[in-house]
PDB file of N, CA and C in Angstrom:
ATOM      1  N   MET A   1       0.836  -1.628  -0.098  1.00  0.00           N
ATOM      2  CA  MET A   1      -0.026  -0.155   0.103  1.00  0.00           C
ATOM      3  C   MET A   1       0.790   1.093   0.032  1.00  0.00           C
ATOM      4  N   ILE A   2       1.797   1.197   0.684  1.00  0.00           N
ATOM      5  CA  ILE A   2       3.057   2.327   0.746  1.00  0.00           C
ATOM      6  C   ILE A   2       4.091   2.360   0.094  1.00  0.00           C
ATOM      7  N   LYS A   3       4.168   3.150  -1.066  1.00  0.00           N
ATOM      8  CA  LYS A   3       4.899   3.163  -1.962  1.00  0.00           C
ATOM      9  C   LYS A   3       6.130   4.294  -1.989  1.00  0.00           C
ATOM     10  N   PHE A   4       7.292   4.179  -1.604  1.00  0.00           N
ATOM     11  CA  PHE A   4       7.923   5.242  -1.325  1.00  0.00           C
ATOM     12  C   PHE A   4       8.948   5.885  -3.036  1.00  0.00           C
ATOM     13  N   ILE A   5       9.094   6.751  -3.319  1.00  0.00           N
ATOM     14  CA  ILE A   5       9.748   7.408  -4.247  1.00  0.00           C
ATOM     15  C   ILE A   5      11.474   6.928  -4.039  1.00  0.00           C
ATOM     16  N   GLN A   6      12.070   6.534  -5.109  1.00  0.00           N
ATOM     17  CA  GLN A   6      13.230   6.103  -4.640  1.00  0.00           C
ATOM     18  C   GLN A   6      13.748   7.191  -5.178  1.00  0.00           C
ATOM     19  N   ASN A   7      15.258   7.411  -4.829  1.00  0.00           N
ATOM     20  CA  ASN A   7      15.990   8.750  -5.059  1.00  0.00           C
ATOM     21  C   ASN A   7      16.990   8.433  -5.859  1.00  0.00           C
ATOM     22  N   ILE A   8      17.274   8.886  -6.988  1.00  0.00           N
ATOM     23  CA  ILE A   8      18.170   8.035  -8.054  1.00  0.00           C
ATOM     24  C   ILE A   8      19.296   9.087  -8.429  1.00  0.00           C
ATOM     25  N   GLY A   9      18.900  10.536  -7.908  1.00  0.00           N
ATOM     26  CA  GLY A   9      19.882  11.318  -8.198  1.00  0.00           C
ATOM     27  C   GLY A   9      19.720  12.231  -9.332  1.00  0.00           C
ATOM     28  N   GLU A  10      18.365  12.409  -9.869  1.00  0.00           N
ATOM     29  CA  GLU A  10      17.962  12.640 -10.968  1.00  0.00           C
ATOM     30  C   GLU A  10      17.903  14.449 -10.351  1.00  0.00           C
ATOM     31  N   TYR A  11      18.348  15.368 -11.867  1.00  0.00           N
ATOM     32  CA  TYR A  11      18.048  16.815 -11.654  1.00  0.00           C
ATOM     33  C   TYR A  11      16.856  17.355 -11.968  1.00  0.00           C
ATOM     34  N   PHE A  12      16.253  18.199 -10.915  1.00  0.00           N
ATOM     35  CA  PHE A  12      14.774  18.609 -10.985  1.00  0.00           C
ATOM     36  C   PHE A  12      14.990  20.444 -11.419  1.00  0.00           C
ATOM     37  N   SER A  13      14.094  20.485 -12.407  1.00  0.00           N
ATOM     38  CA  SER A  13      14.214  21.913 -12.717  1.00  0.00           C
ATOM     39  C   SER A  13      13.980  22.832 -11.392  1.00  0.00           C
ATOM     40  N   SER A  14      13.834  24.214 -11.505  1.00  0.00           N
ATOM     41  CA  SER A  14      13.800  24.837 -10.606  1.00  0.00           C
ATOM     42  C   SER A  14      12.296  25.318 -10.183  1.00  0.00           C
ATOM     43  N   ASN A  15      11.680  24.999 -11.475  1.00  0.00           N
ATOM     44  CA  ASN A  15      10.251  25.370 -11.568  1.00  0.00           C
ATOM     45  C   ASN A  15       9.114  23.956 -11.120  1.00  0.00           C
ATOM     46  N   TYR A  16      10.328  22.707 -11.059  1.00  0.00           N
ATOM     47  CA  TYR A  16       9.363  21.674 -10.595  1.00  0.00           C
ATOM     48  C   TYR A  16       8.610  21.566  -9.252  1.00  0.00           C
ATOM     49  N   PHE A  17       8.937  22.081  -8.030  1.00  0.00           N
ATOM     50  CA  PHE A  17       8.729  22.287  -7.156  1.00  0.00           C
ATOM     51  C   PHE A  17       7.719  23.488  -6.949  1.00  0.00           C
ATOM     52  N   ASP A  18       6.960  23.861  -7.879  1.00  0.00           N
ATOM     53  CA  ASP A  18       6.061  25.001  -7.653  1.00  0.00           C
ATOM     54  C   ASP A  18       4.725  25.037  -6.729  1.00  0.00           C
ATOM     55  N   GLU A  19       4.218  25.928  -6.526  1.00  0.00           N
ATOM     56  CA  GLU A  19       2.949  26.454  -5.251  1.00  0.00           C
ATOM     57  C   GLU A  19       2.255  24.905  -5.436  1.00  0.00           C
ATOM     58  N   ASP A  20       1.933  24.307  -6.665  1.00  0.00           N
ATOM     59  CA  ASP A  20       1.215  23.321  -6.827  1.00  0.00           C
ATOM     60  C   ASP A  20       1.644  21.695  -6.398  1.00  0.00           C
ATOM     61  N   PHE A  21       2.616  21.916  -6.260  1.00  0.00           N
ATOM     62  CA  PHE A  21       3.424  20.381  -6.512  1.00  0.00           C
ATOM     63  C   PHE A  21       2.553  19.637  -5.401  1.00  0.00           C
ATOM     64  N   THR A  22       2.422  20.207  -4.205  1.00  0.00           N
ATOM     65  CA  THR A  22       1.638  18.934  -3.331  1.00  0.00           C
ATOM     66  C   THR A  22       0.169  18.594  -3.987  1.00  0.00           C
ATOM     67  N   SER A  23      -0.482  19.499  -4.594  1.00  0.00           N
ATOM     68  CA  SER A  23      -1.975  19.106  -4.881  1.00  0.00           C
ATOM     69  C   SER A  23      -1.365  18.273  -6.061  1.00  0.00           C
ATOM     70  N   LYS A  24      -0.132  18.615  -6.872  1.00  0.00           N
ATOM     71  CA  LYS A  24      -0.341  17.357  -8.092  1.00  0.00           C
ATOM     72  C   LYS A  24       0.369  16.031  -7.787  1.00  0.00           C
ATOM     73  N   VAL A  25       0.643  15.944  -6.275  1.00  0.00           N
ATOM     74  CA  VAL A  25       1.528  14.869  -5.805  1.00  0.00           C
ATOM     75  C   VAL A  25       0.294  14.084  -5.362  1.00  0.00           C
ATOM     76  N   LEU A  26      -0.666  14.510  -4.955  1.00  0.00           N
ATOM     77  CA  LEU A  26      -1.818  13.886  -4.508  1.00  0.00           C
ATOM     78  C   LEU A  26      -2.687  13.680  -5.265  1.00  0.00           C
ATOM     79  N   SER A  27      -3.034  13.910  -6.210  1.00  0.00           N
ATOM     80  CA  SER A  27      -3.661  13.999  -7.435  1.00  0.00           C
ATOM     81  C   SER A  27      -3.155  12.564  -8.044  1.00  0.00           C
ATOM     82  N   LYS A  28      -1.753  12.472  -8.052  1.00  0.00           N
ATOM     83  CA  LYS A  28      -1.060  10.793  -8.688  1.00  0.00           C
ATOM     84  C   LYS A  28      -1.634  10.050  -7.722  1.00  0.00           C
ATOM     85  N   THR A  29      -1.773  10.107  -6.359  1.00  0.00           N
ATOM     86  CA  THR A  29      -1.448   8.832  -5.339  1.00  0.00           C
ATOM     87  C   THR A  29      -3.010   8.501  -5.011  1.00  0.00           C
ATOM     88  N   GLY A  30      -4.014   9.349  -5.396  1.00  0.00           N
ATOM     89  CA  GLY A  30      -5.254   8.617  -5.209  1.00  0.00           C
ATOM     90  C   GLY A  30      -5.820   8.969  -3.733  1.00  0.00           C
ATOM     91  N   TYR A  31      -4.734   9.732  -2.913  1.00  0.00           N
ATOM     92  CA  TYR A  31      -5.292  10.095  -1.651  1.00  0.00           C
ATOM     93  C   TYR A  31      -5.639  10.942  -0.998  1.00  0.00           C
ATOM     94  N   ALA A  32      -6.469  11.531  -0.139  1.00  0.00           N
ATOM     95  CA  ALA A  32      -7.009  12.784  -0.011  1.00  0.00           C
ATOM     96  C   ALA A  32      -5.659  13.709   0.980  1.00  0.00           C
ATOM     97  N   ALA A  33      -5.398  14.688   1.102  1.00  0.00           N
ATOM     98  CA  ALA A  33      -4.951  15.340   1.908  1.00  0.00           C
ATOM     99  C   ALA A  33      -5.240  15.154   3.438  1.00  0.00           C
ATOM    100  N   GLU A  34      -6.537  14.886   3.794  1.00  0.00           N
ATOM    101  CA  GLU A  34      -6.727  14.214   5.502  1.00  0.00           C
ATOM    102  C   GLU A  34      -6.119  13.060   5.319  1.00  0.00           C
ATOM    103  N   ASP A  35      -5.848  12.103   4.598  1.00  0.00           N
ATOM    104  CA  ASP A  35      -5.324  10.962   4.565  1.00  0.00           C
ATOM    105  C   ASP A  35      -3.942  10.808   4.800  1.00  0.00           C
ATOM    106  N   ILE A  36      -3.135  11.512   4.270  1.00  0.00           N
ATOM    107  CA  ILE A  36      -1.668  12.185   4.534  1.00  0.00           C
ATOM    108  C   ILE A  36      -1.697  12.362   5.781  1.00  0.00           C
ATOM    109  N   LYS A  37      -2.494  13.401   6.482  1.00  0.00           N
ATOM    110  CA  LYS A  37      -2.599  13.747   7.833  1.00  0.00           C
ATOM    111  C   LYS A  37      -2.605  12.531   8.531  1.00  0.00           C
ATOM    112  N   GLU A  38      -3.284  11.586   8.718  1.00  0.00           N
ATOM    113  CA  GLU A  38      -3.288  10.333   9.522  1.00  0.00           C
ATOM    114  C   GLU A  38      -2.301   9.697   9.427  1.00  0.00           C
ATOM    115  N   PHE A  39      -1.872   9.503   8.050  1.00  0.00           N
ATOM    116  CA  PHE A  39      -0.724   8.640   8.060  1.00  0.00           C
ATOM    117  C   PHE A  39       0.507   9.464   8.795  1.00  0.00           C
ATOM    118  N   ASN A  40       0.710  10.699   8.737  1.00  0.00           N
ATOM    119  CA  ASN A  40       1.634  11.409   9.693  1.00  0.00           C
ATOM    120  C   ASN A  40       1.610  11.335  11.081  1.00  0.00           C
ATOM    121  N   LYS A  41       0.300  11.132  11.510  1.00  0.00           N
ATOM    122  CA  LYS A  41       0.322  11.010  13.050  1.00  0.00           C
ATOM    123  C   LYS A  41       0.462   9.771  13.326  1.00  0.00           C
ATOM    124  N   LYS A  42       0.118   8.811  12.815  1.00  0.00           N
ATOM    125  CA  LYS A  42       0.852   7.271  13.341  1.00  0.00           C
ATOM    126  C   LYS A  42       2.128   7.327  13.176  1.00  0.00           C
ATOM    127  N   TYR A  43       3.070   8.052  12.175  1.00  0.00           N
ATOM    128  CA  TYR A  43       4.208   7.343  11.983  1.00  0.00           C
ATOM    129  C   TYR A  43       5.262   8.583  12.219  1.00  0.00           C
ATOM    130  N   LEU A  44       4.950   9.699  11.983  1.00  0.00           N
ATOM    131  CA  LEU A  44       5.717  10.880  12.248  1.00  0.00           C
ATOM    132  C   LEU A  44       5.322  11.882  13.620  1.00  0.00           C
ATOM    133  N   HIS A  45       6.550  11.774  14.653  1.00  0.00           N
ATOM    134  CA  HIS A  45       5.930  12.748  15.441  1.00  0.00           C
ATOM    135  C   HIS A  45       7.038  13.632  16.125  1.00  0.00           C
TER     136      HIS A  45
END
């Protein structure tokens, strides 16, 4: 269920991480922002 992005050292242009980055990532995962918050509560303190 949980998939992590493998860091392979690729270069990302400066505009890759724009103000819409979070919403773009969430739209690709299929999870809602609230789901991510619940995950963070369990594993990140």
